[in-house]
C-alpha atoms as a PDB file:
ATOM      1  CA  MET A   1     -34.583  38.763  54.275  1.00  0.00           C
ATOM      2  CA  ASN A   2     -37.735  37.129  55.555  1.00  0.00           C
ATOM      3  CA  THR A   3     -38.770  34.977  52.586  1.00  0.00           C
ATOM      4  CA  ALA A   4     -40.778  31.805  53.034  1.00  0.00           C
ATOM      5  CA  GLY A   5     -39.171  28.517  52.101  1.00  0.00           C
ATOM      6  CA  THR A   6     -40.218  26.398  49.148  1.00  0.00           C
ATOM      7  CA  ILE A   7     -40.814  22.669  48.951  1.00  0.00           C
ATOM      8  CA  ASP A   8     -37.383  22.139  47.405  1.00  0.00           C
ATOM      9  CA  ARG A   9     -35.619  24.550  49.774  1.00  0.00           C
ATOM     10  CA  PRO A  10     -37.472  24.674  53.101  1.00  0.00           C
ATOM     11  CA  LEU A  11     -36.499  27.223  55.724  1.00  0.00           C
ATOM     12  CA  THR A  12     -35.798  24.362  58.132  1.00  0.00           C
ATOM     13  CA  HIS A  13     -35.439  20.615  57.816  1.00  0.00           C
ATOM     14  CA  ASP A  14     -36.893  20.032  61.271  1.00  0.00           C
ATOM     15  CA  PRO A  15     -40.437  18.647  60.777  1.00  0.00           C
ATOM     16  CA  GLN A  16     -41.580  20.122  64.104  1.00  0.00           C
ATOM     17  CA  LYS A  17     -40.732  23.656  62.961  1.00  0.00           C
ATOM     18  CA  GLN A  18     -42.243  23.363  59.484  1.00  0.00           C
ATOM     19  CA  ALA A  19     -45.678  24.736  58.757  1.00  0.00           C
ATOM     20  CA  PRO A  20     -48.437  22.132  59.130  1.00  0.00           C
ATOM     21  CA  MET A  21     -49.822  20.685  55.939  1.00  0.00           C
ATOM     22  CA  LYS A  22     -53.152  22.143  54.913  1.00  0.00           C
ATOM     23  CA  PRO A  23     -55.848  19.997  53.287  1.00  0.00           C
ATOM     24  CA  SER A  24     -55.819  20.194  49.535  1.00  0.00           C
ATOM     25  CA  THR A  25     -58.492  22.447  47.998  1.00  0.00           C
ATOM     26  CA  SER A  26     -58.560  20.330  44.827  1.00  0.00           C
ATOM     27  CA  GLU A  27     -59.899  17.280  46.682  1.00  0.00           C
ATOM     28  CA  PRO A  28     -63.584  17.212  47.474  1.00  0.00           C
ATOM     29  CA  ALA A  29     -64.570  17.243  51.122  1.00  0.00           C
ATOM     30  CA  GLY A  30     -65.124  13.759  52.495  1.00  0.00           C
ATOM     31  CA  SER A  31     -62.859  12.097  49.950  1.00  0.00           C
ATOM     32  CA  ALA A  32     -61.211   8.745  50.552  1.00  0.00           C
ATOM     33  CA  THR A  33     -58.044  10.309  52.003  1.00  0.00           C
ATOM     34  CA  GLU A  34     -58.541  10.952  55.690  1.00  0.00           C
ATOM     35  CA  ASP A  35     -57.146  13.921  57.566  1.00  0.00           C
ATOM     36  CA  VAL A  36     -54.858  12.067  60.005  1.00  0.00           C
ATOM     37  CA  THR A  37     -52.426  13.516  62.483  1.00  0.00           C
ATOM     38  CA  THR A  38     -48.835  13.134  61.380  1.00  0.00           C
ATOM     39  CA  THR A  39     -47.071  13.098  64.752  1.00  0.00           C
ATOM     40  CA  GLY A  40     -46.232   9.416  64.378  1.00  0.00           C
ATOM     41  CA  ALA A  41     -45.015   9.982  60.841  1.00  0.00           C
ATOM     42  CA  ASN A  42     -42.963  12.992  61.972  1.00  0.00           C
ATOM     43  CA  ASP A  43     -41.425  10.977  64.802  1.00  0.00           C
ATOM     44  CA  SER A  44     -40.515   8.081  62.544  1.00  0.00           C
ATOM     45  CA  ARG A  45     -39.216  10.520  59.930  1.00  0.00           C
ATOM     46  CA  GLN A  46     -37.167  12.260  62.619  1.00  0.00           C
ATOM     47  CA  ASN A  47     -35.746   8.944  63.846  1.00  0.00           C
ATOM     48  CA  ARG A  48     -34.992   7.802  60.318  1.00  0.00           C
ATOM     49  CA  THR A  49     -33.261  11.102  59.598  1.00  0.00           C
ATOM     50  CA  ARG A  50     -31.235  10.819  62.811  1.00  0.00           C
ATOM     51  CA  GLU A  51     -30.282   7.221  61.960  1.00  0.00           C
ATOM     52  CA  MET A  52     -29.291   8.254  58.457  1.00  0.00           C
ATOM     53  CA  GLN A  53     -27.182  11.093  59.840  1.00  0.00           C
ATOM     54  CA  LEU A  54     -25.413   8.611  62.126  1.00  0.00           C
ATOM     55  CA  ILE A  55     -24.610   6.161  59.298  1.00  0.00           C
ATOM     56  CA  PRO A  56     -21.425   7.984  58.164  1.00  0.00           C
ATOM     57  CA  GLU A  57     -20.299   8.184  61.789  1.00  0.00           C
ATOM     58  CA  ALA A  58     -20.815   4.438  62.239  1.00  0.00           C
ATOM     59  CA  MET A  59     -19.018   3.766  58.974  1.00  0.00           C
ATOM     60  CA  ALA A  60     -16.116   5.991  60.023  1.00  0.00           C
ATOM     61  CA  ARG A  61     -15.950   4.199  63.378  1.00  0.00           C
ATOM     62  CA  ALA A  62     -15.857   0.795  61.653  1.00  0.00           C
ATOM     63  CA  HIS A  63     -13.236   2.093  59.212  1.00  0.00           C
ATOM     64  CA  MET A  64     -11.067   3.376  62.068  1.00  0.00           C
ATOM     65  CA  HIS A  65     -11.485   0.091  63.945  1.00  0.00           C
ATOM     66  CA  GLU A  66     -10.352  -1.807  60.848  1.00  0.00           C
ATOM     67  CA  ARG A  67      -7.356   0.538  60.381  1.00  0.00           C
ATOM     68  CA  LEU A  68      -6.350   0.096  64.040  1.00  0.00           C
ATOM     69  CA  ARG A  69      -6.562  -3.682  63.685  1.00  0.00           C
ATOM     70  CA  GLU A  70      -4.494  -3.504  60.510  1.00  0.00           C
ATOM     71  CA  ALA A  71      -1.878  -1.303  62.213  1.00  0.00           C
ATOM     72  CA  GLU A  72      -1.720  -3.708  65.151  1.00  0.00           C
ATOM     73  CA  ARG A  73      -1.204  -6.629  62.744  1.00  0.00           C
ATOM     74  CA  ASP A  74       1.582  -4.685  61.001  1.00  0.00           C
ATOM     75  CA  ARG A  75       3.247  -3.871  64.333  1.00  0.00           C
ATOM     76  CA  HIS A  76       3.032  -7.521  65.339  1.00  0.00           C
ATOM     77  CA  ALA A  77       4.607  -8.597  62.027  1.00  0.00           C
ATOM     78  CA  VAL A  78       7.420  -6.042  62.431  1.00  0.00           C
ATOM     79  CA  ARG A  79       8.108  -7.216  66.002  1.00  0.00           C
ATOM     80  CA  LEU A  80       8.126 -10.845  64.855  1.00  0.00           C
ATOM     81  CA  ALA A  81      10.555 -10.088  62.005  1.00  0.00           C
ATOM     82  CA  ALA A  82      12.852  -8.173  64.393  1.00  0.00           C
ATOM     83  CA  ALA A  83      12.748 -11.043  66.898  1.00  0.00           C
ATOM     84  CA  ARG A  84      13.680 -13.565  64.190  1.00  0.00           C
ATOM     85  CA  ARG A  85      16.516 -11.302  63.010  1.00  0.00           C
ATOM     86  CA  MET A  86      17.874 -11.022  66.560  1.00  0.00           C
ATOM     87  CA  GLN A  87      17.553 -14.782  67.026  1.00  0.00           C
ATOM     88  CA  ARG A  88      19.589 -15.471  63.870  1.00  0.00           C
ATOM     89  CA  ARG A  89      22.190 -12.901  64.972  1.00  0.00           C
ATOM     90  CA  ALA A  90      22.419 -14.544  68.415  1.00  0.00           C
ATOM     91  CA  GLU A  91      22.804 -17.985  66.813  1.00  0.00           C
ATOM     92  CA  ARG A  92      25.646 -16.724  64.596  1.00  0.00           C
ATOM     93  CA  ALA A  93      27.364 -15.118  67.597  1.00  0.00           C
ATOM     94  CA  SER A  94      26.982 -18.379  69.516  1.00  0.00           C
ATOM     95  CA  LEU A  95      28.579 -20.331  66.636  1.00  0.00           C
ATOM     96  CA  ARG A  96      31.465 -17.838  66.475  1.00  0.00           C
ATOM     97  CA  ALA A  97      32.014 -18.180  70.209  1.00  0.00           C
ATOM     98  CA  ARG A  98      32.016 -22.003  69.957  1.00  0.00           C
ATOM     99  CA  ARG A  99      34.528 -21.883  67.115  1.00  0.00           C
ATOM    100  CA  ALA A 100      36.769 -19.478  69.014  1.00  0.00           C
ATOM    101  CA  LEU A 101      36.586 -21.726  72.082  1.00  0.00           C
ATOM    102  CA  ALA A 102      37.384 -24.809  69.987  1.00  0.00           C
ATOM    103  CA  MET A 103      40.326 -23.061  68.393  1.00  0.00           C
ATOM    104  CA  ALA A 104      41.604 -21.947  71.817  1.00  0.00           C
ATOM    105  CA  VAL A 105      41.308 -25.476  73.203  1.00  0.00           C
ATOM    106  CA  MET A 106      43.046 -27.064  70.207  1.00  0.00           C
ATOM    107  CA  HIS A 107      46.122 -24.776  70.359  1.00  0.00           C
END
């Protein structure tokens, strides 16, 4: 299947591999539109396409960075809550020990 691509569905999206644009036959020769080389336009189009292809990757990286920060915050909160729980438990054990010692001294 060796069919040529159309404008809507080109064979390739790489500007370097696409067929060069031919001057329009409907325009008179020497019209106001000049026949300029499009290497600069192709390069900028290529760069813009590459940048646009990298946008989702950059967004995913930022999203992952945010999720990692959020997970770290959650881990920190869990550790802090556990530390407070252990501190309260230690304080209660200390009070029980003081009471037991006081009772032992009194009797």
